[in-house]
Amino acid sequence: MKALKFILIGILFGIILYKSEAASWYRIYEMFQFRSFHMYGIIGTALTTAIIIVQIIKRKQIKDSHGAHITFADKDKSITRYLVGGTIFGLGWALTGACPGPMFALIGAGYWTIGIVLLFALLGTWIYGILRNKLPH
């Protein structure tokens, strides 16, 4: 029954992504050409919401569904990994017109060609899993 709750939240999230046009290739294209604030507004709102929620979790010491405290581990500071990772992510986003989040919403909306992008996203994740120990972190 717990899984049903998360599936319903995921479906709601997909509907919101689709209705807000965050999954629209044209909106993503506009963003990368700096023609519209629409996507920057969505991303900014998501970032602000995430910052607030993380601060609430940290200050109120909220527990997960199993009763364990939720913790956030600090990351090592490194410019190179963020530049390289951000560049690869941005290029993939710009070339496909889809961020990883809306890919599932697009499949749900009936855009089956995004399945190719999803396949290669999974392939890239699998390759990263193999190479992870050999990469500088």
N, C-alpha and C. Protein backbone atom coordinates (compact mmCIF):
# COMPACT_ATOMS: atom_id res chain seq x y z
N MET A 1 0.81 -1.19 0.00
CA MET A 1 0.00 0.00 0.00
C MET A 1 0.86 1.26 0.00
N LYS A 2 2.06 1.19 0.64
CA LYS A 2 2.95 2.35 0.64
C LYS A 2 3.39 2.71 -0.77
N ALA A 3 3.64 1.70 -1.60
CA ALA A 3 4.09 1.94 -2.97
C ALA A 3 3.02 2.69 -3.76
N LEU A 4 1.76 2.42 -3.51
CA LEU A 4 0.67 3.09 -4.22
C LEU A 4 0.71 4.59 -3.97
N LYS A 5 1.01 4.98 -2.74
CA LYS A 5 1.09 6.40 -2.39
C LYS A 5 2.17 7.09 -3.23
N PHE A 6 3.31 6.45 -3.38
CA PHE A 6 4.40 7.05 -4.14
C PHE A 6 4.13 7.03 -5.64
N ILE A 7 3.45 6.01 -6.12
CA ILE A 7 3.06 5.96 -7.53
C ILE A 7 2.09 7.10 -7.84
N LEU A 8 1.13 7.33 -6.95
CA LEU A 8 0.18 8.42 -7.16
C LEU A 8 0.86 9.79 -7.12
N ILE A 9 1.82 9.96 -6.22
CA ILE A 9 2.58 11.22 -6.16
C ILE A 9 3.37 11.40 -7.46
N GLY A 10 3.96 10.32 -7.97
CA GLY A 10 4.70 10.37 -9.23
C GLY A 10 3.80 10.74 -10.40
N ILE A 11 2.61 10.17 -10.43
CA ILE A 11 1.66 10.51 -11.50
C ILE A 11 1.26 11.98 -11.40
N LEU A 12 0.98 12.46 -10.19
CA LEU A 12 0.65 13.87 -10.00
C LEU A 12 1.80 14.77 -10.45
N PHE A 13 3.04 14.39 -10.09
CA PHE A 13 4.21 15.16 -10.50
C PHE A 13 4.32 15.21 -12.03
N GLY A 14 4.08 14.08 -12.68
CA GLY A 14 4.12 14.04 -14.15
C GLY A 14 3.07 14.93 -14.77
N ILE A 15 1.87 14.93 -14.21
CA ILE A 15 0.80 15.79 -14.72
C ILE A 15 1.18 17.26 -14.56
N ILE A 16 1.74 17.60 -13.39
CA ILE A 16 2.17 18.99 -13.16
C ILE A 16 3.27 19.39 -14.13
N LEU A 17 4.25 18.51 -14.35
CA LEU A 17 5.32 18.81 -15.32
C LEU A 17 4.75 19.05 -16.71
N TYR A 18 3.82 18.20 -17.10
CA TYR A 18 3.25 18.31 -18.44
C TYR A 18 2.38 19.55 -18.58
N LYS A 19 1.52 19.81 -17.61
CA LYS A 19 0.61 20.96 -17.68
C LYS A 19 1.35 22.29 -17.55
N SER A 20 2.47 22.31 -16.83
CA SER A 20 3.26 23.55 -16.70
C SER A 20 4.16 23.77 -17.91
N GLU A 21 4.14 22.84 -18.83
CA GLU A 21 4.95 22.85 -20.05
C GLU A 21 6.44 22.69 -19.77
N ALA A 22 6.78 22.15 -18.59
CA ALA A 22 8.19 21.88 -18.28
C ALA A 22 8.71 20.74 -19.14
N ALA A 23 7.81 19.93 -19.68
CA ALA A 23 8.21 18.82 -20.54
C ALA A 23 8.15 19.20 -22.02
N SER A 24 7.88 20.45 -22.31
CA SER A 24 7.74 20.89 -23.69
C SER A 24 9.10 21.15 -24.33
N TRP A 25 9.34 20.51 -25.46
CA TRP A 25 10.61 20.72 -26.16
C TRP A 25 10.75 22.18 -26.54
N TYR A 26 9.65 22.81 -26.95
CA TYR A 26 9.71 24.20 -27.37
C TYR A 26 10.10 25.11 -26.20
N ARG A 27 9.56 24.86 -25.02
CA ARG A 27 9.91 25.67 -23.84
C ARG A 27 11.39 25.51 -23.49
N ILE A 28 11.90 24.29 -23.61
CA ILE A 28 13.32 24.05 -23.34
C ILE A 28 14.18 24.77 -24.38
N TYR A 29 13.75 24.71 -25.63
CA TYR A 29 14.45 25.41 -26.71
C TYR A 29 14.48 26.92 -26.45
N GLU A 30 13.33 27.47 -26.02
CA GLU A 30 13.26 28.90 -25.68
C GLU A 30 14.23 29.24 -24.55
N MET A 31 14.32 28.36 -23.57
CA MET A 31 15.19 28.62 -22.43
C MET A 31 16.65 28.70 -22.86
N PHE A 32 17.08 27.73 -23.68
CA PHE A 32 18.48 27.71 -24.08
C PHE A 32 18.82 28.85 -25.03
N GLN A 33 17.81 29.48 -25.61
CA GLN A 33 18.06 30.66 -26.45
C GLN A 33 17.81 31.96 -25.68
N PHE A 34 17.54 31.86 -24.39
CA PHE A 34 17.27 33.01 -23.52
C PHE A 34 16.12 33.88 -24.07
N ARG A 35 15.09 33.24 -24.60
CA ARG A 35 13.95 33.96 -25.16
C ARG A 35 12.77 34.05 -24.19
N SER A 36 12.78 33.21 -23.16
CA SER A 36 11.63 33.17 -22.26
C SER A 36 12.09 32.86 -20.84
N PHE A 37 11.38 33.46 -19.90
CA PHE A 37 11.67 33.24 -18.48
C PHE A 37 10.95 32.00 -17.95
N HIS A 38 10.04 31.43 -18.71
CA HIS A 38 9.15 30.36 -18.26
C HIS A 38 9.91 29.24 -17.54
N MET A 39 10.86 28.62 -18.20
CA MET A 39 11.59 27.49 -17.61
C MET A 39 12.49 27.94 -16.46
N TYR A 40 13.08 29.12 -16.58
CA TYR A 40 13.90 29.61 -15.47
C TYR A 40 13.04 29.84 -14.23
N GLY A 41 11.80 30.28 -14.43
CA GLY A 41 10.88 30.45 -13.32
C GLY A 41 10.53 29.13 -12.66
N ILE A 42 10.29 28.09 -13.47
CA ILE A 42 9.98 26.76 -12.93
C ILE A 42 11.18 26.21 -12.16
N ILE A 43 12.37 26.31 -12.75
CA ILE A 43 13.58 25.81 -12.11
C ILE A 43 13.87 26.59 -10.83
N GLY A 44 13.72 27.90 -10.88
CA GLY A 44 13.95 28.74 -9.70
C GLY A 44 12.97 28.42 -8.58
N THR A 45 11.71 28.20 -8.93
CA THR A 45 10.71 27.83 -7.94
C THR A 45 11.04 26.47 -7.32
N ALA A 46 11.45 25.51 -8.15
CA ALA A 46 11.82 24.19 -7.65
C ALA A 46 13.02 24.28 -6.71
N LEU A 47 14.00 25.06 -7.09
CA LEU A 47 15.21 25.22 -6.27
C LEU A 47 14.88 25.88 -4.93
N THR A 48 14.08 26.93 -4.96
CA THR A 48 13.68 27.61 -3.73
C THR A 48 12.90 26.68 -2.82
N THR A 49 11.97 25.94 -3.40
CA THR A 49 11.18 24.98 -2.62
C THR A 49 12.07 23.92 -2.00
N ALA A 50 13.03 23.40 -2.77
CA ALA A 50 13.95 22.37 -2.26
C ALA A 50 14.80 22.90 -1.11
N ILE A 51 15.29 24.12 -1.24
CA ILE A 51 16.11 24.72 -0.17
C ILE A 51 15.29 24.83 1.11
N ILE A 52 14.06 25.30 0.99
CA ILE A 52 13.20 25.45 2.17
C ILE A 52 12.91 24.08 2.80
N ILE A 53 12.57 23.10 2.00
CA ILE A 53 12.25 21.77 2.53
C ILE A 53 13.46 21.13 3.19
N VAL A 54 14.65 21.25 2.60
CA VAL A 54 15.86 20.69 3.20
C VAL A 54 16.14 21.37 4.54
N GLN A 55 15.95 22.68 4.62
CA GLN A 55 16.18 23.38 5.88
C GLN A 55 15.18 22.93 6.96
N ILE A 56 13.93 22.72 6.56
CA ILE A 56 12.93 22.21 7.51
C ILE A 56 13.32 20.82 8.00
N ILE A 57 13.74 19.95 7.08
CA ILE A 57 14.15 18.58 7.45
C ILE A 57 15.33 18.64 8.42
N LYS A 58 16.31 19.50 8.14
CA LYS A 58 17.49 19.59 9.01
C LYS A 58 17.14 20.15 10.38
N ARG A 59 16.36 21.21 10.44
CA ARG A 59 16.07 21.88 11.71
C ARG A 59 15.08 21.12 12.59
N LYS A 60 14.13 20.46 11.97
CA LYS A 60 13.12 19.72 12.74
C LYS A 60 13.51 18.25 12.92
N GLN A 61 14.65 17.85 12.36
CA GLN A 61 15.15 16.48 12.45
C GLN A 61 14.06 15.47 12.09
N ILE A 62 13.50 15.66 10.92
CA ILE A 62 12.42 14.82 10.43
C ILE A 62 12.96 13.42 10.11
N LYS A 63 12.13 12.42 10.35
CA LYS A 63 12.52 11.03 10.13
C LYS A 63 11.89 10.52 8.84
N ASP A 64 12.52 9.49 8.25
CA ASP A 64 11.96 8.88 7.04
C ASP A 64 10.85 7.90 7.42
N SER A 65 10.32 7.19 6.44
CA SER A 65 9.19 6.29 6.69
C SER A 65 9.56 5.09 7.56
N HIS A 66 10.85 4.83 7.73
CA HIS A 66 11.31 3.72 8.58
C HIS A 66 11.71 4.19 9.98
N GLY A 67 11.60 5.49 10.25
CA GLY A 67 11.92 6.03 11.56
C GLY A 67 13.35 6.51 11.73
N ALA A 68 14.17 6.42 10.67
CA ALA A 68 15.56 6.88 10.74
C ALA A 68 15.62 8.38 10.41
N HIS A 69 16.56 9.07 11.08
CA HIS A 69 16.73 10.49 10.80
C HIS A 69 17.26 10.69 9.38
N ILE A 70 16.72 11.70 8.70
CA ILE A 70 17.19 12.03 7.36
C ILE A 70 18.43 12.91 7.50
N THR A 71 19.52 12.50 6.88
CA THR A 71 20.76 13.28 6.95
C THR A 71 21.22 13.63 5.53
N PHE A 72 21.95 14.72 5.43
CA PHE A 72 22.50 15.17 4.17
C PHE A 72 24.02 15.24 4.33
N ALA A 73 24.73 14.38 3.59
CA ALA A 73 26.19 14.35 3.68
C ALA A 73 26.78 15.50 2.87
N ASP A 74 27.81 16.14 3.44
CA ASP A 74 28.50 17.20 2.72
C ASP A 74 29.30 16.60 1.57
N LYS A 75 29.38 17.33 0.49
CA LYS A 75 30.15 16.89 -0.68
C LYS A 75 31.50 17.58 -0.69
N ASP A 76 32.49 16.90 -1.28
CA ASP A 76 33.80 17.53 -1.45
C ASP A 76 33.66 18.65 -2.46
N LYS A 77 34.36 19.74 -2.19
CA LYS A 77 34.33 20.87 -3.13
C LYS A 77 35.25 20.58 -4.30
N SER A 78 34.73 20.75 -5.50
CA SER A 78 35.51 20.49 -6.70
C SER A 78 34.87 21.21 -7.87
N ILE A 79 35.63 22.02 -8.57
CA ILE A 79 35.11 22.76 -9.72
C ILE A 79 35.01 21.85 -10.94
N THR A 80 36.02 21.03 -11.17
CA THR A 80 36.10 20.22 -12.39
C THR A 80 34.91 19.30 -12.55
N ARG A 81 34.57 18.57 -11.50
CA ARG A 81 33.47 17.61 -11.65
C ARG A 81 32.15 18.28 -11.93
N TYR A 82 31.93 19.48 -11.37
CA TYR A 82 30.68 20.18 -11.63
C TYR A 82 30.66 20.78 -13.04
N LEU A 83 31.80 21.26 -13.50
CA LEU A 83 31.86 21.79 -14.87
C LEU A 83 31.68 20.68 -15.90
N VAL A 84 32.38 19.57 -15.72
CA VAL A 84 32.28 18.46 -16.67
C VAL A 84 30.88 17.84 -16.61
N GLY A 85 30.41 17.53 -15.41
CA GLY A 85 29.08 16.93 -15.26
C GLY A 85 27.98 17.84 -15.76
N GLY A 86 28.07 19.12 -15.42
CA GLY A 86 27.06 20.09 -15.88
C GLY A 86 27.06 20.25 -17.38
N THR A 87 28.25 20.23 -17.97
CA THR A 87 28.35 20.35 -19.43
C THR A 87 27.73 19.14 -20.13
N ILE A 88 28.05 17.94 -19.64
CA ILE A 88 27.47 16.73 -20.23
C ILE A 88 25.95 16.73 -20.06
N PHE A 89 25.49 17.07 -18.86
CA PHE A 89 24.05 17.11 -18.60
C PHE A 89 23.37 18.16 -19.48
N GLY A 90 23.95 19.35 -19.57
CA GLY A 90 23.38 20.42 -20.38
C GLY A 90 23.34 20.09 -21.86
N LEU A 91 24.41 19.47 -22.35
CA LEU A 91 24.43 19.07 -23.76
C LEU A 91 23.35 18.02 -24.05
N GLY A 92 23.22 17.05 -23.17
CA GLY A 92 22.18 16.05 -23.35
C GLY A 92 20.80 16.65 -23.30
N TRP A 93 20.61 17.59 -22.41
CA TRP A 93 19.33 18.28 -22.26
C TRP A 93 19.01 19.09 -23.51
N ALA A 94 20.00 19.83 -23.99
CA ALA A 94 19.80 20.66 -25.16
C ALA A 94 19.59 19.82 -26.43
N LEU A 95 20.33 18.74 -26.57
CA LEU A 95 20.22 17.90 -27.77
C LEU A 95 18.91 17.12 -27.83
N THR A 96 18.45 16.65 -26.68
CA THR A 96 17.23 15.83 -26.67
C THR A 96 15.98 16.64 -26.38
N GLY A 97 16.16 17.80 -25.76
CA GLY A 97 15.00 18.60 -25.38
C GLY A 97 14.27 18.02 -24.19
N ALA A 98 14.96 17.20 -23.40
CA ALA A 98 14.31 16.58 -22.25
C ALA A 98 15.28 16.40 -21.10
N CYS A 99 14.89 16.90 -19.96
CA CYS A 99 15.59 16.67 -18.71
C CYS A 99 15.14 15.29 -18.21
N PRO A 100 15.89 14.62 -17.34
CA PRO A 100 15.47 13.30 -16.88
C PRO A 100 14.09 13.25 -16.23
N GLY A 101 13.69 14.27 -15.50
CA GLY A 101 12.38 14.27 -14.85
C GLY A 101 11.22 14.15 -15.83
N PRO A 102 11.13 15.04 -16.81
CA PRO A 102 10.00 15.00 -17.74
C PRO A 102 10.02 13.84 -18.74
N MET A 103 11.10 13.08 -18.80
CA MET A 103 11.12 11.96 -19.75
C MET A 103 9.96 11.00 -19.49
N PHE A 104 9.70 10.69 -18.23
CA PHE A 104 8.62 9.78 -17.90
C PHE A 104 7.26 10.42 -18.15
N ALA A 105 7.16 11.73 -17.90
CA ALA A 105 5.91 12.44 -18.18
C ALA A 105 5.63 12.43 -19.68
N LEU A 106 6.67 12.57 -20.49
CA LEU A 106 6.48 12.54 -21.94
C LEU A 106 6.05 11.16 -22.43
N ILE A 107 6.60 10.11 -21.83
CA ILE A 107 6.15 8.76 -22.18
C ILE A 107 4.68 8.60 -21.79
N GLY A 108 4.33 9.10 -20.61
CA GLY A 108 2.94 9.03 -20.16
C GLY A 108 2.00 9.83 -21.04
N ALA A 109 2.52 10.89 -21.67
CA ALA A 109 1.71 11.72 -22.57
C ALA A 109 1.62 11.11 -23.97
N GLY A 110 2.33 10.01 -24.20
CA GLY A 110 2.23 9.34 -25.49
C GLY A 110 3.32 9.65 -26.48
N TYR A 111 4.37 10.36 -26.06
CA TYR A 111 5.51 10.65 -26.94
C TYR A 111 6.50 9.50 -26.83
N TRP A 112 6.24 8.44 -27.57
CA TRP A 112 7.01 7.20 -27.44
C TRP A 112 8.45 7.33 -27.92
N THR A 113 8.74 8.31 -28.77
CA THR A 113 10.12 8.46 -29.25
C THR A 113 11.09 8.85 -28.13
N ILE A 114 10.56 9.41 -27.05
CA ILE A 114 11.41 9.75 -25.91
C ILE A 114 11.96 8.48 -25.27
N GLY A 115 11.39 7.33 -25.61
CA GLY A 115 11.90 6.06 -25.12
C GLY A 115 13.35 5.83 -25.53
N ILE A 116 13.72 6.34 -26.70
CA ILE A 116 15.12 6.24 -27.15
C ILE A 116 16.02 7.03 -26.20
N VAL A 117 15.59 8.22 -25.84
CA VAL A 117 16.35 9.06 -24.91
C VAL A 117 16.44 8.36 -23.55
N LEU A 118 15.33 7.80 -23.09
CA LEU A 118 15.32 7.09 -21.81
C LEU A 118 16.27 5.90 -21.84
N LEU A 119 16.28 5.17 -22.95
CA LEU A 119 17.17 4.03 -23.10
C LEU A 119 18.64 4.46 -22.96
N PHE A 120 19.01 5.55 -23.64
CA PHE A 120 20.39 6.02 -23.56
C PHE A 120 20.71 6.66 -22.21
N ALA A 121 19.72 7.24 -21.55
CA ALA A 121 19.94 7.76 -20.20
C ALA A 121 20.25 6.60 -19.25
N LEU A 122 19.51 5.51 -19.39
CA LEU A 122 19.78 4.32 -18.57
C LEU A 122 21.14 3.71 -18.92
N LEU A 123 21.47 3.69 -20.20
CA LEU A 123 22.78 3.19 -20.62
C LEU A 123 23.91 4.04 -20.03
N GLY A 124 23.76 5.35 -20.08
CA GLY A 124 24.76 6.24 -19.49
C GLY A 124 24.90 6.03 -17.99
N THR A 125 23.78 5.82 -17.31
CA THR A 125 23.81 5.54 -15.87
C THR A 125 24.53 4.23 -15.59
N TRP A 126 24.28 3.23 -16.41
CA TRP A 126 24.93 1.93 -16.25
C TRP A 126 26.44 2.05 -16.48
N ILE A 127 26.83 2.78 -17.52
CA ILE A 127 28.27 2.98 -17.81
C ILE A 127 28.93 3.74 -16.67
N TYR A 128 28.24 4.76 -16.14
CA TYR A 128 28.80 5.49 -15.00
C TYR A 128 29.00 4.55 -13.81
N GLY A 129 28.05 3.66 -13.58
CA GLY A 129 28.18 2.69 -12.48
C GLY A 129 29.41 1.82 -12.63
N ILE A 130 29.74 1.46 -13.88
CA ILE A 130 30.93 0.65 -14.13
C ILE A 130 32.20 1.46 -13.93
N LEU A 131 32.21 2.71 -14.40
CA LEU A 131 33.41 3.55 -14.36
C LEU A 131 33.56 4.37 -13.09
N ARG A 132 32.57 4.36 -12.22
CA ARG A 132 32.54 5.24 -11.06
C ARG A 132 33.83 5.19 -10.21
N ASN A 133 34.32 4.00 -9.96
CA ASN A 133 35.52 3.87 -9.12
C ASN A 133 36.78 4.37 -9.80
N LYS A 134 36.76 4.49 -11.13
CA LYS A 134 37.93 4.95 -11.87
C LYS A 134 37.90 6.46 -12.12
N LEU A 135 36.77 7.12 -11.82
CA LEU A 135 36.63 8.54 -12.07
C LEU A 135 37.06 9.34 -10.84
N PRO A 136 37.58 10.56 -11.07
CA PRO A 136 37.96 11.40 -9.92
C PRO A 136 36.69 11.97 -9.26
N HIS A 137 36.55 11.72 -8.00
CA HIS A 137 35.42 12.25 -7.25
C HIS A 137 35.92 13.17 -6.17
